[in-house]
């Protein structure tokens, strides 16, 4: 056989397990939305650890006004936030009090319980 980089396969599998526990469903490995989220997260982690990310952490007030590749971090974060908010909204619509469900369902039920 030929050598290959298992990084993407392992990353996809682990991410799918996390999605299954958190969101209650898994993605097809070839799902475009899933691949886009994985790409955004990977690029964000690379940028955070880069020189630009470190510079932003050291001087956030100055860097906020400057252009640079670190700006992608914010675009990726907004994309991820929109996705998660959409999943939570769907869970709120379909919430079944009689079933344990996934992590989001349990969290939403706990919020309702605390609010009374």
C-alpha atoms as a PDB file:
ATOM      1  CA  UNK A   1       0.000   0.000   0.000  1.00  0.00           C
ATOM      2  CA  UNK A   2       0.817   3.641  -0.278  1.00  0.00           C
ATOM      3  CA  UNK A   3       1.576   5.842   2.734  1.00  0.00           C
ATOM      4  CA  UNK A   4      -1.065   8.411   3.631  1.00  0.00           C
ATOM      5  CA  UNK A   5      -1.629  11.123   6.218  1.00  0.00           C
ATOM      6  CA  UNK A   6      -4.248   9.842   8.698  1.00  0.00           C
ATOM      7  CA  UNK A   7      -4.723  13.312  10.213  1.00  0.00           C
ATOM      8  CA  UNK A   8      -7.869  14.176   8.261  1.00  0.00           C
ATOM      9  CA  UNK A   9      -9.492  10.768   8.749  1.00  0.00           C
ATOM     10  CA  UNK A  10      -8.821  10.788  12.494  1.00  0.00           C
ATOM     11  CA  UNK A  11      -9.873  14.434  12.804  1.00  0.00           C
ATOM     12  CA  UNK A  12     -13.141  13.688  11.007  1.00  0.00           C
ATOM     13  CA  UNK A  13     -13.854  10.603  13.118  1.00  0.00           C
ATOM     14  CA  UNK A  14     -13.170  12.358  16.432  1.00  0.00           C
ATOM     15  CA  UNK A  15     -15.173  15.412  15.362  1.00  0.00           C
ATOM     16  CA  UNK A  16     -18.077  13.189  14.373  1.00  0.00           C
ATOM     17  CA  UNK A  17     -18.058  11.510  17.792  1.00  0.00           C
ATOM     18  CA  UNK A  18     -18.125  14.923  19.470  1.00  0.00           C
ATOM     19  CA  UNK A  19     -20.987  16.038  17.186  1.00  0.00           C
ATOM     20  CA  UNK A  20     -22.905  12.853  17.945  1.00  0.00           C
ATOM     21  CA  UNK A  21     -22.677  13.418  21.704  1.00  0.00           C
ATOM     22  CA  UNK A  22     -23.273  17.157  21.559  1.00  0.00           C
ATOM     23  CA  UNK A  23     -25.748  17.564  18.693  1.00  0.00           C
ATOM     24  CA  UNK A  24     -27.356  14.125  18.695  1.00  0.00           C
ATOM     25  CA  UNK A  25     -26.418  13.301  15.124  1.00  0.00           C
ATOM     26  CA  UNK A  26     -23.318  12.589  13.132  1.00  0.00           C
ATOM     27  CA  UNK A  27     -22.347  13.894   9.719  1.00  0.00           C
ATOM     28  CA  UNK A  28     -21.507  12.003   6.583  1.00  0.00           C
ATOM     29  CA  UNK A  29     -17.754  12.303   6.120  1.00  0.00           C
ATOM     30  CA  UNK A  30     -18.288  13.803   2.664  1.00  0.00           C
ATOM     31  CA  UNK A  31     -20.897  16.338   3.853  1.00  0.00           C
ATOM     32  CA  UNK A  32     -19.807  19.740   2.521  1.00  0.00           C
ATOM     33  CA  UNK A  33     -20.956  21.622   5.614  1.00  0.00           C
ATOM     34  CA  UNK A  34     -19.079  19.218   7.905  1.00  0.00           C
ATOM     35  CA  UNK A  35     -15.924  19.493   5.792  1.00  0.00           C
ATOM     36  CA  UNK A  36     -16.206  23.291   5.774  1.00  0.00           C
ATOM     37  CA  UNK A  37     -16.515  23.379   9.578  1.00  0.00           C
ATOM     38  CA  UNK A  38     -13.519  21.060   9.963  1.00  0.00           C
ATOM     39  CA  UNK A  39     -11.489  23.232   7.596  1.00  0.00           C
ATOM     40  CA  UNK A  40     -12.484  26.414   9.443  1.00  0.00           C
ATOM     41  CA  UNK A  41     -11.550  24.928  12.814  1.00  0.00           C
ATOM     42  CA  UNK A  42      -8.209  23.637  11.533  1.00  0.00           C
ATOM     43  CA  UNK A  43      -7.338  26.977   9.945  1.00  0.00           C
ATOM     44  CA  UNK A  44      -8.387  28.839  13.100  1.00  0.00           C
ATOM     45  CA  UNK A  45      -6.120  26.697  15.261  1.00  0.00           C
ATOM     46  CA  UNK A  46      -3.206  27.283  12.890  1.00  0.00           C
ATOM     47  CA  UNK A  47      -3.802  31.038  12.886  1.00  0.00           C
ATOM     48  CA  UNK A  48      -4.145  31.249  16.675  1.00  0.00           C
ATOM     49  CA  UNK A  49      -0.777  29.542  17.061  1.00  0.00           C
ATOM     50  CA  UNK A  50       0.897  31.631  14.377  1.00  0.00           C
ATOM     51  CA  UNK A  51       2.930  34.802  14.752  1.00  0.00           C
ATOM     52  CA  UNK A  52      -0.170  36.858  13.885  1.00  0.00           C
ATOM     53  CA  UNK A  53      -2.272  35.138  16.520  1.00  0.00           C
ATOM     54  CA  UNK A  54       0.384  35.702  19.158  1.00  0.00           C
ATOM     55  CA  UNK A  55       0.724  39.338  18.112  1.00  0.00           C
ATOM     56  CA  UNK A  56      -3.036  39.801  18.395  1.00  0.00           C
ATOM     57  CA  UNK A  57      -3.032  38.240  21.877  1.00  0.00           C
ATOM     58  CA  UNK A  58      -0.257  40.608  22.971  1.00  0.00           C
ATOM     59  CA  UNK A  59      -1.748  43.784  21.476  1.00  0.00           C
ATOM     60  CA  UNK A  60      -5.501  43.292  20.897  1.00  0.00           C
ATOM     61  CA  UNK A  61      -6.401  46.999  20.995  1.00  0.00           C
ATOM     62  CA  UNK A  62      -3.852  47.879  18.317  1.00  0.00           C
ATOM     63  CA  UNK A  63      -4.333  44.762  16.199  1.00  0.00           C
ATOM     64  CA  UNK A  64      -8.096  45.255  16.106  1.00  0.00           C
ATOM     65  CA  UNK A  65      -7.554  48.082  13.626  1.00  0.00           C
ATOM     66  CA  UNK A  66      -4.932  46.425  11.435  1.00  0.00           C
ATOM     67  CA  UNK A  67      -5.465  44.092   8.496  1.00  0.00           C
ATOM     68  CA  UNK A  68      -3.899  40.669   8.538  1.00  0.00           C
ATOM     69  CA  UNK A  69      -4.530  36.963   8.172  1.00  0.00           C
ATOM     70  CA  UNK A  70      -5.658  36.725  11.817  1.00  0.00           C
ATOM     71  CA  UNK A  71      -8.950  38.341  10.714  1.00  0.00           C
ATOM     72  CA  UNK A  72      -9.973  34.924   9.367  1.00  0.00           C
ATOM     73  CA  UNK A  73     -10.193  33.722  12.967  1.00  0.00           C
ATOM     74  CA  UNK A  74     -13.173  36.011  13.547  1.00  0.00           C
ATOM     75  CA  UNK A  75     -14.901  35.017  10.296  1.00  0.00           C
ATOM     76  CA  UNK A  76     -14.469  31.335  11.126  1.00  0.00           C
ATOM     77  CA  UNK A  77     -15.720  31.877  14.666  1.00  0.00           C
ATOM     78  CA  UNK A  78     -18.840  33.680  13.383  1.00  0.00           C
ATOM     79  CA  UNK A  79     -19.508  30.813  10.969  1.00  0.00           C
ATOM     80  CA  UNK A  80     -19.195  28.247  13.766  1.00  0.00           C
ATOM     81  CA  UNK A  81     -21.362  30.360  16.065  1.00  0.00           C
ATOM     82  CA  UNK A  82     -24.129  30.627  13.418  1.00  0.00           C
ATOM     83  CA  UNK A  83     -24.008  26.874  12.915  1.00  0.00           C
ATOM     84  CA  UNK A  84     -24.257  26.080  16.646  1.00  0.00           C
ATOM     85  CA  UNK A  85     -27.026  28.654  17.187  1.00  0.00           C
ATOM     86  CA  UNK A  86     -28.978  27.020  14.358  1.00  0.00           C
ATOM     87  CA  UNK A  87     -28.556  23.584  15.928  1.00  0.00           C
ATOM     88  CA  UNK A  88     -29.684  24.922  19.322  1.00  0.00           C
ATOM     89  CA  UNK A  89     -32.735  26.618  17.774  1.00  0.00           C
ATOM     90  CA  UNK A  90     -33.705  23.333  16.097  1.00  0.00           C
ATOM     91  CA  UNK A  91     -33.279  21.499  19.409  1.00  0.00           C
ATOM     92  CA  UNK A  92     -35.537  24.046  21.136  1.00  0.00           C
ATOM     93  CA  UNK A  93     -38.247  23.413  18.543  1.00  0.00           C
ATOM     94  CA  UNK A  94     -38.024  19.624  18.801  1.00  0.00           C
ATOM     95  CA  UNK A  95     -37.325  19.325  22.548  1.00  0.00           C
ATOM     96  CA  UNK A  96     -38.966  16.245  24.076  1.00  0.00           C
ATOM     97  CA  UNK A  97     -39.100  16.453  27.870  1.00  0.00           C
ATOM     98  CA  UNK A  98     -39.595  12.694  28.216  1.00  0.00           C
ATOM     99  CA  UNK A  99     -36.330  11.711  26.484  1.00  0.00           C
ATOM    100  CA  UNK A 100     -32.775  12.258  27.703  1.00  0.00           C
ATOM    101  CA  UNK A 101     -31.549  13.183  24.222  1.00  0.00           C
ATOM    102  CA  UNK A 102     -28.105  14.623  23.632  1.00  0.00           C
ATOM    103  CA  UNK A 103     -26.013  17.175  25.497  1.00  0.00           C
ATOM    104  CA  UNK A 104     -27.884  20.183  24.078  1.00  0.00           C
ATOM    105  CA  UNK A 105     -31.265  18.683  25.023  1.00  0.00           C
ATOM    106  CA  UNK A 106     -30.078  18.031  28.578  1.00  0.00           C
ATOM    107  CA  UNK A 107     -28.684  21.545  28.841  1.00  0.00           C
ATOM    108  CA  UNK A 108     -31.919  23.120  27.559  1.00  0.00           C
ATOM    109  CA  UNK A 109     -33.955  21.063  30.046  1.00  0.00           C
ATOM    110  CA  UNK A 110     -31.668  22.141  32.876  1.00  0.00           C
ATOM    111  CA  UNK A 111     -32.107  25.799  31.885  1.00  0.00           C
ATOM    112  CA  UNK A 112     -35.895  25.361  31.982  1.00  0.00           C
ATOM    113  CA  UNK A 113     -35.657  23.634  35.357  1.00  0.00           C
ATOM    114  CA  UNK A 114     -33.578  26.461  36.855  1.00  0.00           C
ATOM    115  CA  UNK A 115     -35.883  29.138  35.454  1.00  0.00           C
ATOM    116  CA  UNK A 116     -38.825  27.327  37.026  1.00  0.00           C
END
